[in-house]
């Protein structure tokens, strides 16, 4: 292979590799952003669940059981 052809080929491969690397970094960033968004959404859902659990516990009595009773724990 001619030296100029080899140099051109090497440059072309280097550029291709740089583009591939950029694309990979963009994909990694997209996955990271999506993961962070999902984590925040799950944390929000857990917070709502915990708030509801506290609400039901407070309104159902100290046993936390819907039994239509007085809401006091049996001894």
PDB file of N, CA and C in Angstrom:
ATOM      1  N   UNK A   1       0.846  -1.176   0.000  1.00  0.00           N
ATOM      2  CA  UNK A   1       0.000   0.000   0.000  1.00  0.00           C
ATOM      3  C   UNK A   1       0.891   1.239   0.000  1.00  0.00           C
ATOM      4  N   UNK A   2       0.511   2.207  -0.756  1.00  0.00           N
ATOM      5  CA  UNK A   2       1.225   3.479  -0.847  1.00  0.00           C
ATOM      6  C   UNK A   2       1.135   4.192   0.510  1.00  0.00           C
ATOM      7  N   UNK A   3       2.209   4.887   0.893  1.00  0.00           N
ATOM      8  CA  UNK A   3       2.233   5.596   2.172  1.00  0.00           C
ATOM      9  C   UNK A   3       1.108   6.619   2.287  1.00  0.00           C
ATOM     10  N   UNK A   4       0.819   7.345   1.211  1.00  0.00           N
ATOM     11  CA  UNK A   4      -0.257   8.350   1.246  1.00  0.00           C
ATOM     12  C   UNK A   4      -1.613   7.674   1.427  1.00  0.00           C
ATOM     13  N   UNK A   5      -1.810   6.547   0.759  1.00  0.00           N
ATOM     14  CA  UNK A   5      -3.065   5.806   0.915  1.00  0.00           C
ATOM     15  C   UNK A   5      -3.205   5.286   2.350  1.00  0.00           C
ATOM     16  N   UNK A   6      -2.095   4.796   2.886  1.00  0.00           N
ATOM     17  CA  UNK A   6      -2.105   4.290   4.256  1.00  0.00           C
ATOM     18  C   UNK A   6      -2.413   5.412   5.252  1.00  0.00           C
ATOM     19  N   UNK A   7      -1.798   6.572   5.052  1.00  0.00           N
ATOM     20  CA  UNK A   7      -2.072   7.721   5.921  1.00  0.00           C
ATOM     21  C   UNK A   7      -3.533   8.146   5.822  1.00  0.00           C
ATOM     22  N   UNK A   8      -4.058   8.183   4.615  1.00  0.00           N
ATOM     23  CA  UNK A   8      -5.456   8.562   4.417  1.00  0.00           C
ATOM     24  C   UNK A   8      -6.379   7.557   5.106  1.00  0.00           C
ATOM     25  N   UNK A   9      -6.057   6.297   4.948  1.00  0.00           N
ATOM     26  CA  UNK A   9      -6.862   5.256   5.594  1.00  0.00           C
ATOM     27  C   UNK A   9      -6.815   5.403   7.112  1.00  0.00           C
ATOM     28  N   UNK A  10      -5.647   5.633   7.656  1.00  0.00           N
ATOM     29  CA  UNK A  10      -5.488   5.797   9.105  1.00  0.00           C
ATOM     30  C   UNK A  10      -6.269   7.010   9.608  1.00  0.00           C
ATOM     31  N   UNK A  11      -6.214   8.115   8.873  1.00  0.00           N
ATOM     32  CA  UNK A  11      -6.984   9.305   9.265  1.00  0.00           C
ATOM     33  C   UNK A  11      -8.481   9.013   9.246  1.00  0.00           C
ATOM     34  N   UNK A  12      -8.902   8.333   8.177  1.00  0.00           N
ATOM     35  CA  UNK A  12     -10.315   7.987   8.058  1.00  0.00           C
ATOM     36  C   UNK A  12     -10.757   7.108   9.234  1.00  0.00           C
ATOM     37  N   UNK A  13      -9.952   6.134   9.605  1.00  0.00           N
ATOM     38  CA  UNK A  13     -10.272   5.246  10.725  1.00  0.00           C
ATOM     39  C   UNK A  13     -10.261   6.009  12.061  1.00  0.00           C
ATOM     40  N   UNK A  14      -9.321   6.925  12.194  1.00  0.00           N
ATOM     41  CA  UNK A  14      -9.261   7.724  13.419  1.00  0.00           C
ATOM     42  C   UNK A  14     -10.512   8.579  13.562  1.00  0.00           C
ATOM     43  N   UNK A  15     -10.926   9.207  12.472  1.00  0.00           N
ATOM     44  CA  UNK A  15     -12.147  10.026  12.486  1.00  0.00           C
ATOM     45  C   UNK A  15     -13.364   9.154  12.796  1.00  0.00           C
ATOM     46  N   UNK A  16     -13.420   7.974  12.161  1.00  0.00           N
ATOM     47  CA  UNK A  16     -14.530   7.050  12.412  1.00  0.00           C
ATOM     48  C   UNK A  16     -14.578   6.653  13.886  1.00  0.00           C
ATOM     49  N   UNK A  17     -13.400   6.368  14.448  1.00  0.00           N
ATOM     50  CA  UNK A  17     -13.330   5.976  15.848  1.00  0.00           C
ATOM     51  C   UNK A  17     -13.747   7.140  16.766  1.00  0.00           C
ATOM     52  N   UNK A  18     -13.324   8.352  16.439  1.00  0.00           N
ATOM     53  CA  UNK A  18     -13.715   9.513  17.239  1.00  0.00           C
ATOM     54  C   UNK A  18     -15.237   9.711  17.211  1.00  0.00           C
ATOM     55  N   UNK A  19     -15.845   9.557  16.035  1.00  0.00           N
ATOM     56  CA  UNK A  19     -17.299   9.678  15.913  1.00  0.00           C
ATOM     57  C   UNK A  19     -18.003   8.584  16.720  1.00  0.00           C
ATOM     58  N   UNK A  20     -17.460   7.383  16.636  1.00  0.00           N
ATOM     59  CA  UNK A  20     -18.024   6.273  17.405  1.00  0.00           C
ATOM     60  C   UNK A  20     -17.938   6.564  18.898  1.00  0.00           C
ATOM     61  N   UNK A  21     -16.811   7.090  19.326  1.00  0.00           N
ATOM     62  CA  UNK A  21     -16.609   7.423  20.733  1.00  0.00           C
ATOM     63  C   UNK A  21     -17.581   8.510  21.183  1.00  0.00           C
ATOM     64  N   UNK A  22     -17.772   9.527  20.345  1.00  0.00           N
ATOM     65  CA  UNK A  22     -18.726  10.602  20.667  1.00  0.00           C
ATOM     66  C   UNK A  22     -20.135  10.038  20.802  1.00  0.00           C
ATOM     67  N   UNK A  23     -20.516   9.173  19.866  1.00  0.00           N
ATOM     68  CA  UNK A  23     -21.841   8.568  19.894  1.00  0.00           C
ATOM     69  C   UNK A  23     -22.027   7.740  21.163  1.00  0.00           C
ATOM     70  N   UNK A  24     -20.999   6.989  21.515  1.00  0.00           N
ATOM     71  CA  UNK A  24     -21.062   6.164  22.724  1.00  0.00           C
ATOM     72  C   UNK A  24     -21.242   7.039  23.971  1.00  0.00           C
ATOM     73  N   UNK A  25     -20.502   8.148  24.032  1.00  0.00           N
ATOM     74  CA  UNK A  25     -20.631   9.059  25.172  1.00  0.00           C
ATOM     75  C   UNK A  25     -22.029   9.665  25.235  1.00  0.00           C
ATOM     76  N   UNK A  26     -22.597  10.021  24.081  1.00  0.00           N
ATOM     77  CA  UNK A  26     -23.959  10.557  24.050  1.00  0.00           C
ATOM     78  C   UNK A  26     -24.967   9.514  24.534  1.00  0.00           C
ATOM     79  N   UNK A  27     -24.774   8.272  24.108  1.00  0.00           N
ATOM     80  CA  UNK A  27     -25.670   7.201  24.544  1.00  0.00           C
ATOM     81  C   UNK A  27     -25.548   6.975  26.043  1.00  0.00           C
ATOM     82  N   UNK A  28     -24.329   6.999  26.563  1.00  0.00           N
ATOM     83  CA  UNK A  28     -24.132   6.834  28.003  1.00  0.00           C
ATOM     84  C   UNK A  28     -24.813   7.969  28.769  1.00  0.00           C
ATOM     85  N   UNK A  29     -24.703   9.167  28.265  1.00  0.00           N
ATOM     86  CA  UNK A  29     -25.332  10.329  28.913  1.00  0.00           C
ATOM     87  C   UNK A  29     -26.854  10.194  28.901  1.00  0.00           C
ATOM     88  N   UNK A  30     -27.403   9.750  27.778  1.00  0.00           N
ATOM     89  CA  UNK A  30     -28.852   9.566  27.678  1.00  0.00           C
ATOM     90  C   UNK A  30     -29.336   8.525  28.676  1.00  0.00           C
ATOM     91  N   UNK A  31     -28.594   7.446  28.819  1.00  0.00           N
ATOM     92  CA  UNK A  31     -28.959   6.408  29.780  1.00  0.00           C
ATOM     93  C   UNK A  31     -28.878   6.963  31.202  1.00  0.00           C
ATOM     94  N   UNK A  32     -27.864   7.747  31.472  1.00  0.00           N
ATOM     95  CA  UNK A  32     -27.701   8.331  32.799  1.00  0.00           C
ATOM     96  C   UNK A  32     -28.857   9.280  33.130  1.00  0.00           C
ATOM     97  N   UNK A  33     -29.231  10.121  32.184  1.00  0.00           N
ATOM     98  CA  UNK A  33     -30.332  11.065  32.393  1.00  0.00           C
ATOM     99  C   UNK A  33     -31.640  10.300  32.611  1.00  0.00           C
ATOM    100  N   UNK A  34     -31.881   9.286  31.795  1.00  0.00           N
ATOM    101  CA  UNK A  34     -33.099   8.492  31.941  1.00  0.00           C
ATOM    102  C   UNK A  34     -33.120   7.770  33.282  1.00  0.00           C
ATOM    103  N   UNK A  35     -31.995   7.253  33.691  1.00  0.00           N
ATOM    104  CA  UNK A  35     -31.897   6.560  34.980  1.00  0.00           C
ATOM    105  C   UNK A  35     -32.179   7.523  36.136  1.00  0.00           C
ATOM    106  N   UNK A  36     -31.606   8.720  36.065  1.00  0.00           N
ATOM    107  CA  UNK A  36     -31.842   9.721  37.110  1.00  0.00           C
ATOM    108  C   UNK A  36     -33.319  10.105  37.168  1.00  0.00           C
ATOM    109  N   UNK A  37     -33.938  10.277  36.012  1.00  0.00           N
ATOM    110  CA  UNK A  37     -35.359  10.640  35.966  1.00  0.00           C
ATOM    111  C   UNK A  37     -36.211   9.528  36.555  1.00  0.00           C
ATOM    112  N   UNK A  38     -35.899   8.286  36.235  1.00  0.00           N
ATOM    113  CA  UNK A  38     -36.654   7.162  36.769  1.00  0.00           C
ATOM    114  C   UNK A  38     -36.472   7.056  38.280  1.00  0.00           C
ATOM    115  N   UNK A  39     -35.253   7.253  38.743  1.00  0.00           N
ATOM    116  CA  UNK A  39     -34.986   7.210  40.179  1.00  0.00           C
ATOM    117  C   UNK A  39     -35.795   8.278  40.915  1.00  0.00           C
ATOM    118  N   UNK A  40     -35.821   9.493  40.379  1.00  0.00           N
ATOM    119  CA  UNK A  40     -36.590  10.567  41.009  1.00  0.00           C
ATOM    120  C   UNK A  40     -38.078  10.243  41.025  1.00  0.00           C
ATOM    121  N   UNK A  41     -38.572   9.671  39.926  1.00  0.00           N
ATOM    122  CA  UNK A  41     -39.987   9.311  39.860  1.00  0.00           C
ATOM    123  C   UNK A  41     -40.317   8.235  40.884  1.00  0.00           C
ATOM    124  N   UNK A  42     -39.453   7.231  41.001  1.00  0.00           N
ATOM    125  CA  UNK A  42     -39.684   6.170  41.986  1.00  0.00           C
ATOM    126  C   UNK A  42     -39.617   6.713  43.409  1.00  0.00           C
ATOM    127  N   UNK A  43     -38.686   7.618  43.656  1.00  0.00           N
ATOM    128  CA  UNK A  43     -38.597   8.225  44.985  1.00  0.00           C
ATOM    129  C   UNK A  43     -39.873   8.992  45.299  1.00  0.00           C
ATOM    130  N   UNK A  44     -40.402   9.705  44.309  1.00  0.00           N
ATOM    131  CA  UNK A  44     -41.655  10.435  44.487  1.00  0.00           C
ATOM    132  C   UNK A  44     -42.810   9.501  44.755  1.00  0.00           C
ATOM    133  N   UNK A  45     -42.854   8.392  44.027  1.00  0.00           N
ATOM    134  CA  UNK A  45     -43.922   7.411  44.239  1.00  0.00           C
ATOM    135  C   UNK A  45     -43.812   6.798  45.635  1.00  0.00           C
ATOM    136  N   UNK A  46     -42.597   6.513  46.081  1.00  0.00           N
ATOM    137  CA  UNK A  46     -42.393   5.965  47.427  1.00  0.00           C
ATOM    138  C   UNK A  46     -42.826   6.968  48.484  1.00  0.00           C
ATOM    139  N   UNK A  47     -42.529   8.247  48.247  1.00  0.00           N
ATOM    140  CA  UNK A  47     -42.920   9.289  49.202  1.00  0.00           C
ATOM    141  C   UNK A  47     -44.444   9.363  49.301  1.00  0.00           C
ATOM    142  N   UNK A  48     -45.121   9.317  48.170  1.00  0.00           N
ATOM    143  CA  UNK A  48     -46.588   9.342  48.166  1.00  0.00           C
ATOM    144  C   UNK A  48     -47.129   8.120  48.891  1.00  0.00           C
ATOM    145  N   UNK A  49     -46.557   6.949  48.598  1.00  0.00           N
ATOM    146  CA  UNK A  49     -46.986   5.716  49.272  1.00  0.00           C
ATOM    147  C   UNK A  49     -46.815   5.841  50.789  1.00  0.00           C
ATOM    148  N   UNK A  50     -45.669   6.361  51.208  1.00  0.00           N
ATOM    149  CA  UNK A  50     -45.416   6.507  52.635  1.00  0.00           C
ATOM    150  C   UNK A  50     -46.382   7.498  53.275  1.00  0.00           C
ATOM    151  N   UNK A  51     -46.682   8.583  52.562  1.00  0.00           N
ATOM    152  CA  UNK A  51     -47.638   9.556  53.084  1.00  0.00           C
ATOM    153  C   UNK A  51     -49.017   8.923  53.229  1.00  0.00           C
ATOM    154  N   UNK A  52     -49.426   8.167  52.235  1.00  0.00           N
ATOM    155  CA  UNK A  52     -50.727   7.501  52.297  1.00  0.00           C
ATOM    156  C   UNK A  52     -50.750   6.475  53.422  1.00  0.00           C
ATOM    157  N   UNK A  53     -49.675   5.735  53.572  1.00  0.00           N
ATOM    158  CA  UNK A  53     -49.610   4.744  54.642  1.00  0.00           C
ATOM    159  C   UNK A  53     -49.742   5.435  55.995  1.00  0.00           C
ATOM    160  N   UNK A  54     -49.090   6.566  56.166  1.00  0.00           N
ATOM    161  CA  UNK A  54     -49.206   7.324  57.412  1.00  0.00           C
ATOM    162  C   UNK A  54     -50.612   7.837  57.610  1.00  0.00           C
ATOM    163  N   UNK A  55     -51.234   8.303  56.536  1.00  0.00           N
ATOM    164  CA  UNK A  55     -52.611   8.801  56.618  1.00  0.00           C
ATOM    165  C   UNK A  55     -53.550   7.695  57.060  1.00  0.00           C
ATOM    166  N   UNK A  56     -53.459   6.533  56.429  1.00  0.00           N
ATOM    167  CA  UNK A  56     -54.347   5.431  56.780  1.00  0.00           C
ATOM    168  C   UNK A  56     -54.087   4.951  58.195  1.00  0.00           C
ATOM    169  N   UNK A  57     -52.819   4.904  58.584  1.00  0.00           N
ATOM    170  CA  UNK A  57     -52.492   4.465  59.930  1.00  0.00           C
ATOM    171  C   UNK A  57     -53.105   5.416  60.960  1.00  0.00           C
ATOM    172  N   UNK A  58     -52.975   6.713  60.733  1.00  0.00           N
ATOM    173  CA  UNK A  58     -53.504   7.700  61.678  1.00  0.00           C
ATOM    174  C   UNK A  58     -55.026   7.658  61.742  1.00  0.00           C
ATOM    175  N   UNK A  59     -55.682   7.386  60.623  1.00  0.00           N
ATOM    176  CA  UNK A  59     -57.146   7.413  60.586  1.00  0.00           C
ATOM    177  C   UNK A  59     -57.790   6.072  60.888  1.00  0.00           C
ATOM    178  N   UNK A  60     -57.000   5.014  60.989  1.00  0.00           N
ATOM    179  CA  UNK A  60     -57.561   3.708  61.281  1.00  0.00           C
ATOM    180  C   UNK A  60     -57.273   3.290  62.715  1.00  0.00           C
ATOM    181  N   UNK A  61     -56.564   4.074  63.454  1.00  0.00           N
ATOM    182  CA  UNK A  61     -56.264   3.731  64.832  1.00  0.00           C
ATOM    183  C   UNK A  61     -54.872   3.172  64.980  1.00  0.00           C
ATOM    184  N   UNK A  62     -54.502   2.931  66.216  1.00  0.00           N
ATOM    185  CA  UNK A  62     -53.133   2.523  66.483  1.00  0.00           C
ATOM    186  C   UNK A  62     -52.828   1.119  66.002  1.00  0.00           C
ATOM    187  N   UNK A  63     -53.851   0.295  65.743  1.00  0.00           N
ATOM    188  CA  UNK A  63     -53.571  -1.041  65.237  1.00  0.00           C
ATOM    189  C   UNK A  63     -53.274  -1.000  63.750  1.00  0.00           C
ATOM    190  N   UNK A  64     -53.751   0.034  63.071  1.00  0.00           N
ATOM    191  CA  UNK A  64     -53.535   0.137  61.643  1.00  0.00           C
ATOM    192  C   UNK A  64     -54.397  -0.827  60.852  1.00  0.00           C
ATOM    193  N   UNK A  65     -55.400  -1.409  61.510  1.00  0.00           N
ATOM    194  CA  UNK A  65     -56.252  -2.402  60.866  1.00  0.00           C
ATOM    195  C   UNK A  65     -57.652  -1.843  60.759  1.00  0.00           C
ATOM    196  N   UNK A  66     -58.244  -2.011  59.604  1.00  0.00           N
ATOM    197  CA  UNK A  66     -59.628  -1.578  59.425  1.00  0.00           C
ATOM    198  C   UNK A  66     -60.539  -2.666  59.988  1.00  0.00           C
ATOM    199  N   UNK A  67     -60.961  -2.473  61.241  1.00  0.00           N
ATOM    200  CA  UNK A  67     -61.829  -3.487  61.831  1.00  0.00           C
ATOM    201  C   UNK A  67     -63.134  -2.881  62.320  1.00  0.00           C
ATOM    202  N   UNK A  68     -63.296  -1.610  62.112  1.00  0.00           N
ATOM    203  CA  UNK A  68     -64.516  -0.954  62.550  1.00  0.00           C
ATOM    204  C   UNK A  68     -64.570  -0.778  64.056  1.00  0.00           C
ATOM    205  N   UNK A  69     -63.503  -1.126  64.722  1.00  0.00           N
ATOM    206  CA  UNK A  69     -63.462  -1.037  66.181  1.00  0.00           C
ATOM    207  C   UNK A  69     -63.060   0.346  66.638  1.00  0.00           C
ATOM    208  N   UNK A  70     -62.622   0.397  67.869  1.00  0.00           N
ATOM    209  CA  UNK A  70     -62.283   1.667  68.480  1.00  0.00           C
ATOM    210  C   UNK A  70     -60.955   2.223  67.993  1.00  0.00           C
ATOM    211  N   UNK A  71     -60.154   1.368  67.373  1.00  0.00           N
ATOM    212  CA  UNK A  71     -58.855   1.834  66.897  1.00  0.00           C
ATOM    213  C   UNK A  71     -57.776   1.708  67.939  1.00  0.00           C
ATOM    214  N   UNK A  72     -58.051   1.025  69.033  1.00  0.00           N
ATOM    215  CA  UNK A  72     -57.029   0.822  70.056  1.00  0.00           C
ATOM    216  C   UNK A  72     -56.469  -0.577  69.913  1.00  0.00           C
ATOM    217  N   UNK A  73     -55.246  -0.731  70.285  1.00  0.00           N
ATOM    218  CA  UNK A  73     -54.592  -2.026  70.163  1.00  0.00           C
ATOM    219  C   UNK A  73     -55.125  -2.973  71.239  1.00  0.00           C
ATOM    220  N   UNK A  74     -55.317  -4.220  70.854  1.00  0.00           N
ATOM    221  CA  UNK A  74     -55.772  -5.233  71.815  1.00  0.00           C
ATOM    222  C   UNK A  74     -54.607  -5.626  72.696  1.00  0.00           C
ATOM    223  N   UNK A  75     -54.916  -5.880  73.963  1.00  0.00           N
ATOM    224  CA  UNK A  75     -53.842  -6.285  74.891  1.00  0.00           C
ATOM    225  C   UNK A  75     -54.059  -7.697  75.352  1.00  0.00           C
TER     226      UNK A  75
END
